[in-house]
């Protein structure tokens, strides 16, 4: 059985010559799955994947998360 991990993905995209940064905490089994979830979310807002640049993908502990829903779901076990 695979263990669900927490990831923080940070990145940026450029729109009309302005740079916008983002950071997203989410639950996934692998880094690739987490990356796909973030790209899917960001591109659903009208951007192309080629416009989105990922700066960092790292595994985090539940207490490091800034998202209260992620913290709550991690404590349920």
PDB file of N, CA and C in Angstrom:
ATOM      1  N   UNK A   1       0.847  -1.185   0.000  1.00  0.00           N
ATOM      2  CA  UNK A   1       0.000   0.000   0.000  1.00  0.00           C
ATOM      3  C   UNK A   1       0.891   1.247   0.000  1.00  0.00           C
ATOM      4  N   UNK A   2       0.608   2.176  -0.861  1.00  0.00           N
ATOM      5  CA  UNK A   2       1.415   3.392  -0.989  1.00  0.00           C
ATOM      6  C   UNK A   2       1.049   4.412   0.077  1.00  0.00           C
ATOM      7  N   UNK A   3       2.042   5.107   0.530  1.00  0.00           N
ATOM      8  CA  UNK A   3       1.873   6.132   1.549  1.00  0.00           C
ATOM      9  C   UNK A   3       1.661   7.488   0.888  1.00  0.00           C
ATOM     10  N   UNK A   4       0.642   8.212   1.324  1.00  0.00           N
ATOM     11  CA  UNK A   4       0.391   9.554   0.796  1.00  0.00           C
ATOM     12  C   UNK A   4       1.350  10.525   1.469  1.00  0.00           C
ATOM     13  N   UNK A   5       1.990  11.362   0.672  1.00  0.00           N
ATOM     14  CA  UNK A   5       2.966  12.334   1.164  1.00  0.00           C
ATOM     15  C   UNK A   5       2.458  13.745   0.890  1.00  0.00           C
ATOM     16  N   UNK A   6       3.079  14.699   1.541  1.00  0.00           N
ATOM     17  CA  UNK A   6       2.745  16.108   1.319  1.00  0.00           C
ATOM     18  C   UNK A   6       3.866  16.759   0.525  1.00  0.00           C
ATOM     19  N   UNK A   7       3.476  17.575  -0.443  1.00  0.00           N
ATOM     20  CA  UNK A   7       4.446  18.270  -1.279  1.00  0.00           C
ATOM     21  C   UNK A   7       4.113  19.751  -1.337  1.00  0.00           C
ATOM     22  N   UNK A   8       5.152  20.568  -1.443  1.00  0.00           N
ATOM     23  CA  UNK A   8       4.987  21.999  -1.712  1.00  0.00           C
ATOM     24  C   UNK A   8       5.647  22.268  -3.060  1.00  0.00           C
ATOM     25  N   UNK A   9       4.861  22.811  -3.963  1.00  0.00           N
ATOM     26  CA  UNK A   9       5.365  23.130  -5.294  1.00  0.00           C
ATOM     27  C   UNK A   9       5.298  24.640  -5.466  1.00  0.00           C
ATOM     28  N   UNK A  10       6.438  25.227  -5.818  1.00  0.00           N
ATOM     29  CA  UNK A  10       6.498  26.657  -6.087  1.00  0.00           C
ATOM     30  C   UNK A  10       6.900  26.860  -7.542  1.00  0.00           C
ATOM     31  N   UNK A  11       6.395  27.928  -8.105  1.00  0.00           N
ATOM     32  CA  UNK A  11       6.707  28.222  -9.488  1.00  0.00           C
ATOM     33  C   UNK A  11       6.224  29.609  -9.862  1.00  0.00           C
ATOM     34  N   UNK A  12       6.255  29.888 -11.155  1.00  0.00           N
ATOM     35  CA  UNK A  12       5.799  31.185 -11.648  1.00  0.00           C
ATOM     36  C   UNK A  12       5.341  31.059 -13.092  1.00  0.00           C
ATOM     37  N   UNK A  13       4.630  32.078 -13.539  1.00  0.00           N
ATOM     38  CA  UNK A  13       4.224  32.187 -14.939  1.00  0.00           C
ATOM     39  C   UNK A  13       4.217  33.661 -15.313  1.00  0.00           C
ATOM     40  N   UNK A  14       4.332  33.917 -16.588  1.00  0.00           N
ATOM     41  CA  UNK A  14       4.378  35.292 -17.079  1.00  0.00           C
ATOM     42  C   UNK A  14       3.116  35.554 -17.896  1.00  0.00           C
ATOM     43  N   UNK A  15       2.466  36.670 -17.589  1.00  0.00           N
ATOM     44  CA  UNK A  15       1.281  37.085 -18.335  1.00  0.00           C
ATOM     45  C   UNK A  15       1.371  38.590 -18.568  1.00  0.00           C
ATOM     46  N   UNK A  16       1.309  38.967 -19.818  1.00  0.00           N
ATOM     47  CA  UNK A  16       1.381  40.381 -20.205  1.00  0.00           C
ATOM     48  C   UNK A  16       2.599  41.073 -19.591  1.00  0.00           C
ATOM     49  N   UNK A  17       3.751  40.427 -19.720  1.00  0.00           N
ATOM     50  CA  UNK A  17       5.040  40.956 -19.264  1.00  0.00           C
ATOM     51  C   UNK A  17       5.134  41.140 -17.749  1.00  0.00           C
ATOM     52  N   UNK A  18       4.271  40.464 -17.016  1.00  0.00           N
ATOM     53  CA  UNK A  18       4.337  40.498 -15.554  1.00  0.00           C
ATOM     54  C   UNK A  18       4.529  39.079 -15.046  1.00  0.00           C
ATOM     55  N   UNK A  19       5.344  38.926 -14.034  1.00  0.00           N
ATOM     56  CA  UNK A  19       5.641  37.618 -13.457  1.00  0.00           C
ATOM     57  C   UNK A  19       4.765  37.390 -12.221  1.00  0.00           C
ATOM     58  N   UNK A  20       4.076  36.282 -12.192  1.00  0.00           N
ATOM     59  CA  UNK A  20       3.230  35.906 -11.073  1.00  0.00           C
ATOM     60  C   UNK A  20       3.781  34.628 -10.453  1.00  0.00           C
ATOM     61  N   UNK A  21       3.988  34.631  -9.139  1.00  0.00           N
ATOM     62  CA  UNK A  21       4.509  33.465  -8.426  1.00  0.00           C
ATOM     63  C   UNK A  21       3.372  32.735  -7.729  1.00  0.00           C
ATOM     64  N   UNK A  22       3.553  31.435  -7.523  1.00  0.00           N
ATOM     65  CA  UNK A  22       2.566  30.657  -6.794  1.00  0.00           C
ATOM     66  C   UNK A  22       3.271  29.606  -5.946  1.00  0.00           C
ATOM     67  N   UNK A  23       2.574  29.184  -4.901  1.00  0.00           N
ATOM     68  CA  UNK A  23       3.031  28.108  -4.034  1.00  0.00           C
ATOM     69  C   UNK A  23       1.799  27.293  -3.669  1.00  0.00           C
ATOM     70  N   UNK A  24       1.899  25.986  -3.806  1.00  0.00           N
ATOM     71  CA  UNK A  24       0.749  25.123  -3.570  1.00  0.00           C
ATOM     72  C   UNK A  24       1.176  23.919  -2.746  1.00  0.00           C
ATOM     73  N   UNK A  25       0.455  23.661  -1.648  1.00  0.00           N
ATOM     74  CA  UNK A  25       0.666  22.470  -0.839  1.00  0.00           C
ATOM     75  C   UNK A  25      -0.414  21.467  -1.220  1.00  0.00           C
ATOM     76  N   UNK A  26       0.003  20.214  -1.415  1.00  0.00           N
ATOM     77  CA  UNK A  26      -0.979  19.195  -1.766  1.00  0.00           C
ATOM     78  C   UNK A  26      -0.513  17.815  -1.381  1.00  0.00           C
ATOM     79  N   UNK A  27      -1.466  16.883  -1.371  1.00  0.00           N
ATOM     80  CA  UNK A  27      -1.202  15.496  -1.021  1.00  0.00           C
ATOM     81  C   UNK A  27      -1.121  14.677  -2.298  1.00  0.00           C
ATOM     82  N   UNK A  28      -0.113  13.813  -2.362  1.00  0.00           N
ATOM     83  CA  UNK A  28       0.054  12.928  -3.516  1.00  0.00           C
ATOM     84  C   UNK A  28       0.950  11.765  -3.110  1.00  0.00           C
ATOM     85  N   UNK A  29       0.968  10.754  -3.942  1.00  0.00           N
ATOM     86  CA  UNK A  29       1.809   9.594  -3.663  1.00  0.00           C
ATOM     87  C   UNK A  29       3.224   9.804  -4.191  1.00  0.00           C
ATOM     88  N   UNK A  30       3.349  10.424  -5.376  1.00  0.00           N
ATOM     89  CA  UNK A  30       4.662  10.658  -5.979  1.00  0.00           C
ATOM     90  C   UNK A  30       4.826  12.126  -6.352  1.00  0.00           C
ATOM     91  N   UNK A  31       6.086  12.542  -6.571  1.00  0.00           N
ATOM     92  CA  UNK A  31       6.354  13.914  -7.017  1.00  0.00           C
ATOM     93  C   UNK A  31       5.705  14.175  -8.373  1.00  0.00           C
ATOM     94  N   UNK A  32       5.740  13.190  -9.248  1.00  0.00           N
ATOM     95  CA  UNK A  32       5.169  13.350 -10.584  1.00  0.00           C
ATOM     96  C   UNK A  32       3.665  13.583 -10.519  1.00  0.00           C
ATOM     97  N   UNK A  33       2.994  12.864  -9.626  1.00  0.00           N
ATOM     98  CA  UNK A  33       1.558  13.038  -9.460  1.00  0.00           C
ATOM     99  C   UNK A  33       1.245  14.435  -8.902  1.00  0.00           C
ATOM    100  N   UNK A  34       2.035  14.895  -7.953  1.00  0.00           N
ATOM    101  CA  UNK A  34       1.851  16.228  -7.376  1.00  0.00           C
ATOM    102  C   UNK A  34       2.060  17.303  -8.440  1.00  0.00           C
ATOM    103  N   UNK A  35       3.091  17.140  -9.249  1.00  0.00           N
ATOM    104  CA  UNK A  35       3.386  18.099 -10.310  1.00  0.00           C
ATOM    105  C   UNK A  35       2.246  18.151 -11.323  1.00  0.00           C
ATOM    106  N   UNK A  36       1.709  17.009 -11.676  1.00  0.00           N
ATOM    107  CA  UNK A  36       0.599  16.958 -12.632  1.00  0.00           C
ATOM    108  C   UNK A  36      -0.640  17.657 -12.067  1.00  0.00           C
ATOM    109  N   UNK A  37      -0.913  17.482 -10.780  1.00  0.00           N
ATOM    110  CA  UNK A  37      -2.063  18.144 -10.151  1.00  0.00           C
ATOM    111  C   UNK A  37      -1.921  19.659 -10.199  1.00  0.00           C
ATOM    112  N   UNK A  38      -0.722  20.153  -9.901  1.00  0.00           N
ATOM    113  CA  UNK A  38      -0.499  21.603  -9.908  1.00  0.00           C
ATOM    114  C   UNK A  38      -0.605  22.151 -11.325  1.00  0.00           C
ATOM    115  N   UNK A  39       0.018  21.494 -12.274  1.00  0.00           N
ATOM    116  CA  UNK A  39      -0.054  21.966 -13.659  1.00  0.00           C
ATOM    117  C   UNK A  39      -1.487  21.961 -14.165  1.00  0.00           C
ATOM    118  N   UNK A  40      -2.246  20.968 -13.787  1.00  0.00           N
ATOM    119  CA  UNK A  40      -3.650  20.897 -14.185  1.00  0.00           C
ATOM    120  C   UNK A  40      -4.448  22.059 -13.591  1.00  0.00           C
ATOM    121  N   UNK A  41      -4.184  22.371 -12.324  1.00  0.00           N
ATOM    122  CA  UNK A  41      -4.883  23.477 -11.660  1.00  0.00           C
ATOM    123  C   UNK A  41      -4.528  24.825 -12.282  1.00  0.00           C
ATOM    124  N   UNK A  42      -3.249  25.059 -12.485  1.00  0.00           N
ATOM    125  CA  UNK A  42      -2.802  26.356 -13.026  1.00  0.00           C
ATOM    126  C   UNK A  42      -3.260  26.525 -14.471  1.00  0.00           C
ATOM    127  N   UNK A  43      -3.153  25.487 -15.271  1.00  0.00           N
ATOM    128  CA  UNK A  43      -3.543  25.617 -16.684  1.00  0.00           C
ATOM    129  C   UNK A  43      -5.057  25.683 -16.856  1.00  0.00           C
ATOM    130  N   UNK A  44      -5.820  25.286 -15.858  1.00  0.00           N
ATOM    131  CA  UNK A  44      -7.273  25.415 -15.955  1.00  0.00           C
ATOM    132  C   UNK A  44      -7.701  26.878 -15.875  1.00  0.00           C
ATOM    133  N   UNK A  45      -6.779  27.753 -15.496  1.00  0.00           N
ATOM    134  CA  UNK A  45      -7.073  29.183 -15.408  1.00  0.00           C
ATOM    135  C   UNK A  45      -6.737  29.923 -16.694  1.00  0.00           C
ATOM    136  N   UNK A  46      -6.455  29.175 -17.765  1.00  0.00           N
ATOM    137  CA  UNK A  46      -6.254  29.793 -19.062  1.00  0.00           C
ATOM    138  C   UNK A  46      -4.809  29.953 -19.508  1.00  0.00           C
ATOM    139  N   UNK A  47      -3.889  29.241 -18.891  1.00  0.00           N
ATOM    140  CA  UNK A  47      -2.482  29.310 -19.276  1.00  0.00           C
ATOM    141  C   UNK A  47      -2.082  28.026 -19.985  1.00  0.00           C
ATOM    142  N   UNK A  48      -1.042  28.113 -20.783  1.00  0.00           N
ATOM    143  CA  UNK A  48      -0.477  26.926 -21.403  1.00  0.00           C
ATOM    144  C   UNK A  48       0.610  26.369 -20.495  1.00  0.00           C
ATOM    145  N   UNK A  49       0.837  25.084 -20.571  1.00  0.00           N
ATOM    146  CA  UNK A  49       1.873  24.468 -19.742  1.00  0.00           C
ATOM    147  C   UNK A  49       3.243  25.055 -20.033  1.00  0.00           C
ATOM    148  N   UNK A  50       3.479  25.467 -21.253  1.00  0.00           N
ATOM    149  CA  UNK A  50       4.788  26.031 -21.588  1.00  0.00           C
ATOM    150  C   UNK A  50       5.013  27.392 -20.928  1.00  0.00           C
ATOM    151  N   UNK A  51       3.950  28.055 -20.465  1.00  0.00           N
ATOM    152  CA  UNK A  51       4.080  29.337 -19.783  1.00  0.00           C
ATOM    153  C   UNK A  51       4.417  29.165 -18.302  1.00  0.00           C
ATOM    154  N   UNK A  52       4.161  27.992 -17.740  1.00  0.00           N
ATOM    155  CA  UNK A  52       4.346  27.740 -16.316  1.00  0.00           C
ATOM    156  C   UNK A  52       5.734  27.157 -16.080  1.00  0.00           C
ATOM    157  N   UNK A  53       6.482  27.778 -15.202  1.00  0.00           N
ATOM    158  CA  UNK A  53       7.823  27.315 -14.835  1.00  0.00           C
ATOM    159  C   UNK A  53       7.796  26.874 -13.378  1.00  0.00           C
ATOM    160  N   UNK A  54       8.197  25.633 -13.133  1.00  0.00           N
ATOM    161  CA  UNK A  54       8.241  25.093 -11.779  1.00  0.00           C
ATOM    162  C   UNK A  54       9.635  25.359 -11.199  1.00  0.00           C
ATOM    163  N   UNK A  55       9.668  26.031 -10.040  1.00  0.00           N
ATOM    164  CA  UNK A  55      10.934  26.367  -9.393  1.00  0.00           C
ATOM    165  C   UNK A  55      11.391  25.268  -8.436  1.00  0.00           C
ATOM    166  N   UNK A  56      10.437  24.691  -7.690  1.00  0.00           N
ATOM    167  CA  UNK A  56      10.834  23.706  -6.692  1.00  0.00           C
ATOM    168  C   UNK A  56       9.681  22.765  -6.374  1.00  0.00           C
ATOM    169  N   UNK A  57      10.004  21.500  -6.185  1.00  0.00           N
ATOM    170  CA  UNK A  57       9.069  20.491  -5.707  1.00  0.00           C
ATOM    171  C   UNK A  57       9.743  19.823  -4.524  1.00  0.00           C
ATOM    172  N   UNK A  58       9.142  19.956  -3.327  1.00  0.00           N
ATOM    173  CA  UNK A  58       9.776  19.332  -2.172  1.00  0.00           C
ATOM    174  C   UNK A  58       8.729  18.700  -1.272  1.00  0.00           C
ATOM    175  N   UNK A  59       9.158  17.635  -0.614  1.00  0.00           N
ATOM    176  CA  UNK A  59       8.294  16.953   0.338  1.00  0.00           C
ATOM    177  C   UNK A  59       8.346  17.710   1.661  1.00  0.00           C
ATOM    178  N   UNK A  60       7.178  17.887   2.288  1.00  0.00           N
ATOM    179  CA  UNK A  60       7.102  18.630   3.545  1.00  0.00           C
ATOM    180  C   UNK A  60       6.409  17.785   4.606  1.00  0.00           C
ATOM    181  N   UNK A  61       6.521  18.229   5.848  1.00  0.00           N
ATOM    182  CA  UNK A  61       5.831  17.594   6.968  1.00  0.00           C
ATOM    183  C   UNK A  61       4.470  18.279   7.135  1.00  0.00           C
ATOM    184  N   UNK A  62       3.498  17.592   7.727  1.00  0.00           N
ATOM    185  CA  UNK A  62       2.162  18.198   7.892  1.00  0.00           C
ATOM    186  C   UNK A  62       2.182  19.538   8.628  1.00  0.00           C
ATOM    187  N   UNK A  63       3.038  19.679   9.619  1.00  0.00           N
ATOM    188  CA  UNK A  63       3.065  20.933  10.381  1.00  0.00           C
ATOM    189  C   UNK A  63       3.670  22.095   9.591  1.00  0.00           C
ATOM    190  N   UNK A  64       4.364  21.810   8.500  1.00  0.00           N
ATOM    191  CA  UNK A  64       4.941  22.860   7.658  1.00  0.00           C
ATOM    192  C   UNK A  64       3.929  23.431   6.662  1.00  0.00           C
ATOM    193  N   UNK A  65       2.836  22.733   6.471  1.00  0.00           N
ATOM    194  CA  UNK A  65       1.859  23.148   5.465  1.00  0.00           C
ATOM    195  C   UNK A  65       1.172  24.452   5.853  1.00  0.00           C
ATOM    196  N   UNK A  66       0.929  25.290   4.865  1.00  0.00           N
ATOM    197  CA  UNK A  66       0.221  26.553   5.080  1.00  0.00           C
ATOM    198  C   UNK A  66      -1.282  26.395   4.842  1.00  0.00           C
ATOM    199  N   UNK A  67      -1.683  25.253   4.313  1.00  0.00           N
ATOM    200  CA  UNK A  67      -3.080  24.980   3.984  1.00  0.00           C
ATOM    201  C   UNK A  67      -3.726  24.201   5.138  1.00  0.00           C
ATOM    202  N   UNK A  68      -4.730  24.789   5.781  1.00  0.00           N
ATOM    203  CA  UNK A  68      -5.339  24.153   6.944  1.00  0.00           C
ATOM    204  C   UNK A  68      -6.067  22.857   6.579  1.00  0.00           C
ATOM    205  N   UNK A  69      -6.575  22.731   5.371  1.00  0.00           N
ATOM    206  CA  UNK A  69      -7.247  21.498   4.944  1.00  0.00           C
ATOM    207  C   UNK A  69      -6.232  20.356   4.853  1.00  0.00           C
ATOM    208  N   UNK A  70      -5.053  20.633   4.326  1.00  0.00           N
ATOM    209  CA  UNK A  70      -3.991  19.638   4.234  1.00  0.00           C
ATOM    210  C   UNK A  70      -3.580  19.191   5.640  1.00  0.00           C
ATOM    211  N   UNK A  71      -3.443  20.134   6.560  1.00  0.00           N
ATOM    212  CA  UNK A  71      -3.088  19.790   7.935  1.00  0.00           C
ATOM    213  C   UNK A  71      -4.162  18.902   8.557  1.00  0.00           C
ATOM    214  N   UNK A  72      -5.422  19.256   8.354  1.00  0.00           N
ATOM    215  CA  UNK A  72      -6.525  18.488   8.918  1.00  0.00           C
ATOM    216  C   UNK A  72      -6.551  17.068   8.359  1.00  0.00           C
ATOM    217  N   UNK A  73      -6.421  16.939   7.054  1.00  0.00           N
ATOM    218  CA  UNK A  73      -6.457  15.612   6.429  1.00  0.00           C
ATOM    219  C   UNK A  73      -5.255  14.762   6.842  1.00  0.00           C
ATOM    220  N   UNK A  74      -4.135  15.379   7.097  1.00  0.00           N
ATOM    221  CA  UNK A  74      -2.940  14.646   7.506  1.00  0.00           C
ATOM    222  C   UNK A  74      -3.063  14.108   8.933  1.00  0.00           C
ATOM    223  N   UNK A  75      -3.833  14.772   9.767  1.00  0.00           N
ATOM    224  CA  UNK A  75      -4.004  14.342  11.156  1.00  0.00           C
ATOM    225  C   UNK A  75      -5.019  13.216  11.300  1.00  0.00           C
ATOM    226  N   UNK A  76      -5.830  12.961  10.279  1.00  0.00           N
ATOM    227  CA  UNK A  76      -6.869  11.930  10.373  1.00  0.00           C
ATOM    228  C   UNK A  76      -6.309  10.517  10.433  1.00  0.00           C
ATOM    229  N   UNK A  77      -5.345  10.214   9.600  1.00  0.00           N
ATOM    230  CA  UNK A  77      -4.706   8.893   9.493  1.00  0.00           C
ATOM    231  C   UNK A  77      -5.681   7.825   9.736  1.00  0.00           C
TER     232      UNK A  77
END
